[in-house]
Amino acid sequence: MSKTTEKSEELSRIAYRRRHAKMTKGEKTKFRWGMFFIAPQLIGLAIFVFIPMIFSFVMSFMEWDIVSEPKFIGWDNYKFMMEEDEYVPLSLRITVMYTLIQVPCGVMYTLFIAMLLNTKIRSRSLFRTIFYLPSIVPAVASAALWIIIFNPNNGVLNSFLEVFGVEPQLWLYDEKEVLIAFLIMSLWGSGGGIIVNLAALQGVPTHLQESMELDGANAWHRFWRLTVPMVSPVIFYNVIMGIIGNLQGFSQSYLMTGGGPNNSSLFYMLHLYRNAFQWGRMGYACAMAWVLFLVIAVFTAIAFFIGNKKVYYEGG
């Protein structure tokens, strides 16, 4: 038997003894105190997350209007969703299309702005604050502001575009432009992603950048070969959060357009909300919620499958 094999077997025996060894009194005390301190979080997760999830799954097989007793109807909610509710595929298509456009645009925009804010310029802290502030503006206030900006008659945006000879646009009142308006609004409020990217950029080693510059690498090569791989975990994080957030998009459509014009901004969550709280079809809304959960899970799984091959982890 070789020394390598003997060493491997010895390590396996040590690992086995550690796994099956009884905890000492001190370890038990630490474990109890640890469970004590995380108990509020675990209780909160159980009450506000896990129990409602189980309840909504059960209700998805019921006919329930919140007021009367639930009535078991089996898979009828899901059958109605797939076969008869014409607004489900429409809203799902609009939501997915908007997500596929907004996520890459948001990732590129936040990285670009973060790189600008990472340069040595005067009043850099002020500019960082300016770009971050929109992300903490309440949704209702933000919607009210952008309704004024997108006003087709005397809105700020059309007035600005007229300076460059661009004809006034209808924005929120045009079927082809409403999602573009939502995209502009989302980029304006992406300060959180900018700050995260900025923190990642500050972690890129300067000595590597200087070494590449001495070797003759231009700015593009330094960005593509060094900066992007080093910040790829943060880019991946922004992609995942963007997918989850946009597939659950609701506030812009609800507050600004009501799903119009002509259902061109009818996001899936808005249709779900109408079924649950306007039309009293809570059981059907629960079924819709679980379908959305599966859609988000599929998109997230695809992102992880691609990300595991493309993302660079320094300690990996």
Protein backbone atom coordinates (compact mmCIF):
# COMPACT_ATOMS: atom_id res chain seq x y z
CA MET A 1 0.00 0.00 0.00
CA SER A 2 1.40 3.40 -1.01
CA LYS A 3 1.96 6.24 1.43
CA THR A 4 -0.62 8.35 -0.44
CA THR A 5 -3.30 5.68 0.05
CA GLU A 6 -2.45 5.29 3.73
CA LYS A 7 -2.64 9.06 4.27
CA SER A 8 -5.98 9.23 2.45
CA GLU A 9 -7.46 6.44 4.60
CA GLU A 10 -6.17 8.10 7.78
CA LEU A 11 -7.80 11.40 6.82
CA SER A 12 -11.05 9.56 6.09
CA ARG A 13 -10.98 7.93 9.53
CA ILE A 14 -10.35 11.30 11.21
CA ALA A 15 -13.22 12.90 9.29
CA TYR A 16 -15.53 10.00 10.23
CA ARG A 17 -14.65 10.31 13.93
CA ARG A 18 -15.29 14.07 13.83
CA ARG A 19 -18.70 13.61 12.23
CA HIS A 20 -19.83 11.00 14.76
CA ALA A 21 -18.14 12.37 17.88
CA LYS A 22 -20.41 13.66 20.62
CA MET A 23 -20.39 17.36 21.33
CA THR A 24 -18.63 18.50 24.44
CA LYS A 25 -20.45 20.49 27.10
CA GLY A 26 -18.99 23.75 25.80
CA GLU A 27 -20.04 22.95 22.23
CA LYS A 28 -23.57 22.15 23.39
CA THR A 29 -23.73 25.49 25.20
CA LYS A 30 -22.57 27.36 22.09
CA PHE A 31 -25.10 25.46 19.98
CA ARG A 32 -27.99 26.33 22.34
CA TRP A 33 -27.03 30.02 22.42
CA GLY A 34 -26.70 30.04 18.65
CA MET A 35 -30.18 28.55 18.23
CA PHE A 36 -31.52 31.05 20.77
CA PHE A 37 -30.23 34.04 18.80
CA ILE A 38 -31.43 32.82 15.40
CA ALA A 39 -34.80 31.64 16.75
CA PRO A 40 -36.59 34.98 16.02
CA GLN A 41 -35.46 34.81 12.40
CA LEU A 42 -36.52 31.18 12.06
CA ILE A 43 -39.90 31.91 13.63
CA GLY A 44 -40.37 34.89 11.33
CA LEU A 45 -39.53 32.80 8.27
CA ALA A 46 -41.98 30.12 9.36
CA ILE A 47 -44.85 32.54 10.08
CA PHE A 48 -44.41 34.99 7.21
CA VAL A 49 -42.84 32.83 4.47
CA PHE A 50 -43.14 29.05 4.76
CA ILE A 51 -46.65 28.78 6.23
CA PRO A 52 -48.13 31.30 3.71
CA MET A 53 -46.42 29.39 0.88
CA ILE A 54 -47.96 26.11 1.97
CA PHE A 55 -51.34 27.80 2.46
CA SER A 56 -51.25 29.39 -1.01
CA PHE A 57 -50.32 26.05 -2.59
CA VAL A 58 -53.32 24.39 -0.94
CA MET A 59 -55.60 27.28 -1.95
CA SER A 60 -54.47 26.96 -5.57
CA PHE A 61 -56.63 23.83 -5.74
CA MET A 62 -59.62 25.62 -4.26
CA GLU A 63 -62.36 27.96 -5.43
CA TRP A 64 -62.16 30.73 -2.84
CA ASP A 65 -63.28 34.34 -2.75
CA ILE A 66 -61.79 35.08 0.71
CA VAL A 67 -65.27 35.52 2.24
CA SER A 68 -66.91 32.12 1.74
CA GLU A 69 -65.62 28.65 2.57
CA PRO A 70 -62.99 27.26 0.17
CA LYS A 71 -64.27 24.61 -2.23
CA PHE A 72 -61.91 21.95 -3.57
CA ILE A 73 -61.88 21.89 -7.39
CA GLY A 74 -58.65 20.01 -8.10
CA TRP A 75 -56.67 21.18 -11.13
CA ASP A 76 -59.48 23.37 -12.52
CA ASN A 77 -57.65 26.63 -11.71
CA TYR A 78 -54.58 25.50 -13.64
CA LYS A 79 -56.69 24.18 -16.54
CA PHE A 80 -58.57 27.47 -16.77
CA MET A 81 -55.30 29.35 -16.72
CA MET A 82 -53.81 27.35 -19.58
CA GLU A 83 -56.90 26.92 -21.74
CA GLU A 84 -59.36 29.77 -21.19
CA ASP A 85 -57.72 32.82 -19.63
CA GLU A 86 -56.36 34.67 -22.67
CA TYR A 87 -54.67 37.30 -20.49
CA VAL A 88 -52.29 34.80 -18.85
CA PRO A 89 -50.18 34.09 -21.97
CA LEU A 90 -50.43 37.77 -22.96
CA SER A 91 -49.26 39.08 -19.59
CA LEU A 92 -46.59 36.39 -19.32
CA ARG A 93 -45.24 37.25 -22.76
CA ILE A 94 -45.11 40.97 -21.92
CA THR A 95 -43.39 40.29 -18.59
CA VAL A 96 -40.79 37.92 -20.05
CA MET A 97 -40.07 40.23 -23.01
CA TYR A 98 -39.59 43.20 -20.69
CA THR A 99 -37.32 41.14 -18.43
CA LEU A 100 -35.15 39.98 -21.33
CA ILE A 101 -34.68 43.61 -22.40
CA GLN A 102 -34.34 45.28 -19.01
CA VAL A 103 -31.88 42.88 -17.36
CA PRO A 104 -28.99 43.18 -19.88
CA CYS A 105 -29.62 46.92 -20.31
CA GLY A 106 -29.67 47.39 -16.53
CA VAL A 107 -26.49 45.36 -16.01
CA MET A 108 -24.56 47.26 -18.70
CA TYR A 109 -25.86 50.64 -17.57
CA THR A 110 -25.05 50.13 -13.87
CA LEU A 111 -21.56 48.83 -14.69
CA PHE A 112 -20.88 51.75 -17.04
CA ILE A 113 -22.01 54.37 -14.50
CA ALA A 114 -20.07 52.61 -11.73
CA MET A 115 -16.90 52.77 -13.83
CA LEU A 116 -17.42 56.50 -14.38
CA LEU A 117 -17.97 57.04 -10.65
CA ASN A 118 -14.84 55.03 -9.89
CA THR A 119 -12.59 57.47 -11.75
CA LYS A 120 -10.72 60.22 -9.94
CA ILE A 121 -12.88 63.27 -10.58
CA ARG A 122 -13.78 66.31 -8.53
CA SER A 123 -16.93 66.02 -6.35
CA ARG A 124 -16.98 62.25 -6.87
CA SER A 125 -18.92 61.64 -3.63
CA LEU A 126 -21.59 64.11 -4.71
CA PHE A 127 -22.11 62.35 -8.05
CA ARG A 128 -22.33 58.98 -6.29
CA THR A 129 -25.04 60.36 -4.02
CA ILE A 130 -26.95 61.83 -6.96
CA PHE A 131 -27.00 58.51 -8.83
CA TYR A 132 -27.98 56.56 -5.71
CA LEU A 133 -30.81 58.79 -4.45
CA PRO A 134 -33.46 57.74 -7.04
CA SER A 135 -33.30 54.16 -5.79
CA ILE A 136 -34.70 55.17 -2.39
CA VAL A 137 -37.57 57.27 -3.76
CA PRO A 138 -40.92 55.61 -2.89
CA ALA A 139 -42.66 53.87 -5.80
CA VAL A 140 -45.73 56.13 -5.70
CA ALA A 141 -43.66 59.33 -5.70
CA SER A 142 -41.47 57.97 -8.49
CA ALA A 143 -44.52 57.06 -10.59
CA ALA A 144 -46.05 60.51 -10.09
CA LEU A 145 -42.78 62.15 -11.13
CA TRP A 146 -42.39 60.08 -14.29
CA ILE A 147 -46.01 60.61 -15.34
CA ILE A 148 -45.15 64.31 -15.51
CA ILE A 149 -41.88 63.62 -17.34
CA PHE A 150 -43.60 61.37 -19.90
CA ASN A 151 -46.49 63.75 -20.50
CA PRO A 152 -46.86 63.86 -24.33
CA ASN A 153 -48.00 67.49 -24.43
CA ASN A 154 -45.67 69.42 -22.15
CA GLY A 155 -43.52 66.72 -20.53
CA VAL A 156 -39.91 67.34 -19.66
CA LEU A 157 -38.61 64.49 -21.81
CA ASN A 158 -40.39 65.59 -24.99
CA SER A 159 -39.25 69.17 -24.42
CA PHE A 160 -35.67 67.93 -24.12
CA LEU A 161 -35.93 65.81 -27.27
CA GLU A 162 -37.36 68.73 -29.26
CA VAL A 163 -34.03 70.52 -28.80
CA PHE A 164 -32.46 67.79 -30.96
CA GLY A 165 -35.25 67.87 -33.54
CA VAL A 166 -37.03 64.73 -32.30
CA GLU A 167 -40.81 64.78 -32.63
CA PRO A 168 -42.86 64.49 -29.41
CA GLN A 169 -43.59 60.90 -28.38
CA LEU A 170 -46.69 59.50 -26.67
CA TRP A 171 -44.68 57.31 -24.27
CA LEU A 172 -47.16 55.87 -21.74
CA TYR A 173 -50.05 56.35 -24.18
CA ASP A 174 -48.55 54.36 -27.05
CA GLU A 175 -48.56 50.55 -27.19
CA LYS A 176 -45.09 50.40 -28.76
CA GLU A 177 -43.45 52.93 -26.44
CA VAL A 178 -44.86 52.15 -23.01
CA LEU A 179 -42.31 49.42 -22.21
CA ILE A 180 -39.49 51.69 -23.41
CA ALA A 181 -40.76 54.30 -20.96
CA PHE A 182 -40.71 51.71 -18.16
CA LEU A 183 -37.16 50.77 -19.16
CA ILE A 184 -35.97 54.39 -18.92
CA MET A 185 -37.64 54.69 -15.54
CA SER A 186 -36.01 51.48 -14.26
CA LEU A 187 -32.53 52.66 -15.30
CA TRP A 188 -33.10 55.93 -13.46
CA GLY A 189 -33.82 54.02 -10.26
CA SER A 190 -30.95 51.53 -10.47
CA GLY A 191 -28.75 53.21 -7.88
CA GLY A 192 -28.50 50.08 -5.77
CA GLY A 193 -26.91 48.14 -8.63
CA ILE A 194 -24.52 51.02 -9.30
CA ILE A 195 -23.30 51.01 -5.68
CA VAL A 196 -22.80 47.23 -5.73
CA ASN A 197 -20.82 47.43 -8.97
CA LEU A 198 -18.80 50.34 -7.59
CA ALA A 199 -17.80 48.30 -4.56
CA ALA A 200 -16.74 45.43 -6.83
CA LEU A 201 -14.67 47.74 -9.05
CA GLN A 202 -12.80 49.05 -6.03
CA GLY A 203 -11.78 45.48 -5.27
CA VAL A 204 -10.01 45.02 -8.62
CA PRO A 205 -6.24 44.97 -7.85
CA THR A 206 -4.56 48.09 -9.19
CA HIS A 207 -1.22 46.31 -9.61
CA LEU A 208 -2.77 43.96 -12.16
CA GLN A 209 -4.14 46.91 -14.11
CA GLU A 210 -0.72 48.56 -14.05
CA SER A 211 0.96 45.33 -15.16
CA MET A 212 -1.38 44.97 -18.14
CA GLU A 213 -0.82 48.62 -19.05
CA LEU A 214 2.95 48.12 -19.00
CA ASP A 215 2.51 45.06 -21.23
CA GLY A 216 0.80 47.26 -23.82
CA ALA A 217 -2.86 46.40 -23.12
CA ASN A 218 -5.22 49.20 -24.08
CA ALA A 219 -8.26 50.30 -22.04
CA TRP A 220 -10.62 47.87 -23.78
CA HIS A 221 -8.38 44.87 -23.19
CA ARG A 222 -7.91 45.82 -19.54
CA PHE A 223 -11.67 46.13 -19.15
CA TRP A 224 -12.56 42.90 -20.95
CA ARG A 225 -9.71 40.70 -19.74
CA LEU A 226 -9.35 41.94 -16.18
CA THR A 227 -12.21 44.10 -14.92
CA VAL A 228 -15.10 42.02 -16.22
CA PRO A 229 -13.77 38.67 -14.87
CA MET A 230 -12.97 40.23 -11.49
CA VAL A 231 -16.46 41.75 -11.08
CA SER A 232 -18.31 38.87 -12.77
CA PRO A 233 -19.72 37.56 -9.44
CA VAL A 234 -21.39 40.93 -8.86
CA ILE A 235 -22.62 41.05 -12.46
CA PHE A 236 -24.09 37.60 -11.96
CA TYR A 237 -25.75 38.74 -8.73
CA ASN A 238 -27.32 41.72 -10.53
CA VAL A 239 -28.57 39.42 -13.29
CA ILE A 240 -30.25 37.08 -10.81
CA MET A 241 -31.84 39.91 -8.83
CA GLY A 242 -32.92 41.58 -12.08
CA ILE A 243 -34.62 38.42 -13.33
CA ILE A 244 -36.47 37.87 -10.06
CA GLY A 245 -37.44 41.52 -9.67
CA ASN A 246 -38.63 42.11 -13.23
CA LEU A 247 -40.64 38.91 -13.47
CA GLN A 248 -42.50 40.21 -10.41
CA GLY A 249 -42.89 43.70 -11.90
CA PHE A 250 -46.09 45.39 -10.74
CA SER A 251 -45.83 48.94 -9.44
CA GLN A 252 -45.12 50.79 -12.72
CA SER A 253 -48.00 49.17 -14.54
CA TYR A 254 -50.42 49.46 -11.63
CA LEU A 255 -49.64 53.08 -10.76
CA MET A 256 -48.95 54.59 -14.17
CA THR A 257 -50.92 52.80 -16.90
CA GLY A 258 -53.29 50.31 -15.29
CA GLY A 259 -52.09 47.75 -17.84
CA GLY A 260 -52.82 49.99 -20.84
CA PRO A 261 -52.88 51.15 -23.46
CA ASN A 262 -54.78 48.17 -24.88
CA ASN A 263 -53.17 45.79 -22.35
CA SER A 264 -49.69 46.50 -23.77
CA SER A 265 -48.28 46.90 -20.25
CA LEU A 266 -50.35 44.21 -18.56
CA PHE A 267 -47.68 42.59 -16.43
CA TYR A 268 -48.35 39.14 -15.01
CA MET A 269 -48.42 40.39 -11.42
CA LEU A 270 -51.01 43.04 -12.30
CA HIS A 271 -53.30 40.38 -13.77
CA LEU A 272 -52.73 38.28 -10.65
CA TYR A 273 -53.58 41.25 -8.44
CA ARG A 274 -56.82 41.90 -10.31
CA ASN A 275 -57.92 38.30 -9.92
CA ALA A 276 -57.11 38.27 -6.22
CA PHE A 277 -58.31 41.65 -4.96
CA GLN A 278 -60.62 43.09 -7.62
CA TRP A 279 -62.49 40.04 -8.84
CA GLY A 280 -62.33 37.97 -5.64
CA ARG A 281 -60.75 34.90 -7.22
CA MET A 282 -58.11 34.25 -4.59
CA GLY A 283 -57.78 30.52 -5.28
CA TYR A 284 -57.13 31.21 -8.95
CA ALA A 285 -54.63 33.93 -8.03
CA CYS A 286 -52.75 31.44 -5.83
CA ALA A 287 -52.49 29.10 -8.82
CA MET A 288 -51.15 31.98 -10.91
CA ALA A 289 -48.59 32.74 -8.21
CA TRP A 290 -47.25 29.18 -8.30
CA VAL A 291 -46.96 29.26 -12.08
CA LEU A 292 -44.94 32.47 -11.74
CA PHE A 293 -42.79 30.75 -9.12
CA LEU A 294 -41.99 27.99 -11.63
CA VAL A 295 -41.20 30.51 -14.36
CA ILE A 296 -38.80 32.38 -12.04
CA ALA A 297 -37.22 29.08 -10.99
CA VAL A 298 -36.62 28.08 -14.63
CA PHE A 299 -35.07 31.43 -15.59
CA THR A 300 -32.93 31.43 -12.43
CA ALA A 301 -31.76 27.86 -13.08
CA ILE A 302 -30.77 28.80 -16.65
CA ALA A 303 -28.86 31.80 -15.32
CA PHE A 304 -27.02 29.63 -12.77
CA PHE A 305 -26.22 27.03 -15.44
CA ILE A 306 -24.62 29.70 -17.62
CA GLY A 307 -23.10 31.59 -14.69
CA ASN A 308 -21.27 28.54 -13.31
CA LYS A 309 -19.26 28.43 -16.54
CA LYS A 310 -18.68 32.16 -17.00
CA VAL A 311 -18.32 33.61 -13.50
CA TYR A 312 -14.82 33.85 -12.04
CA TYR A 313 -14.41 33.33 -8.29
CA GLU A 314 -11.03 34.35 -6.95
CA GLY A 315 -10.93 31.62 -4.32
CA GLY A 316 -12.29 28.91 -6.65
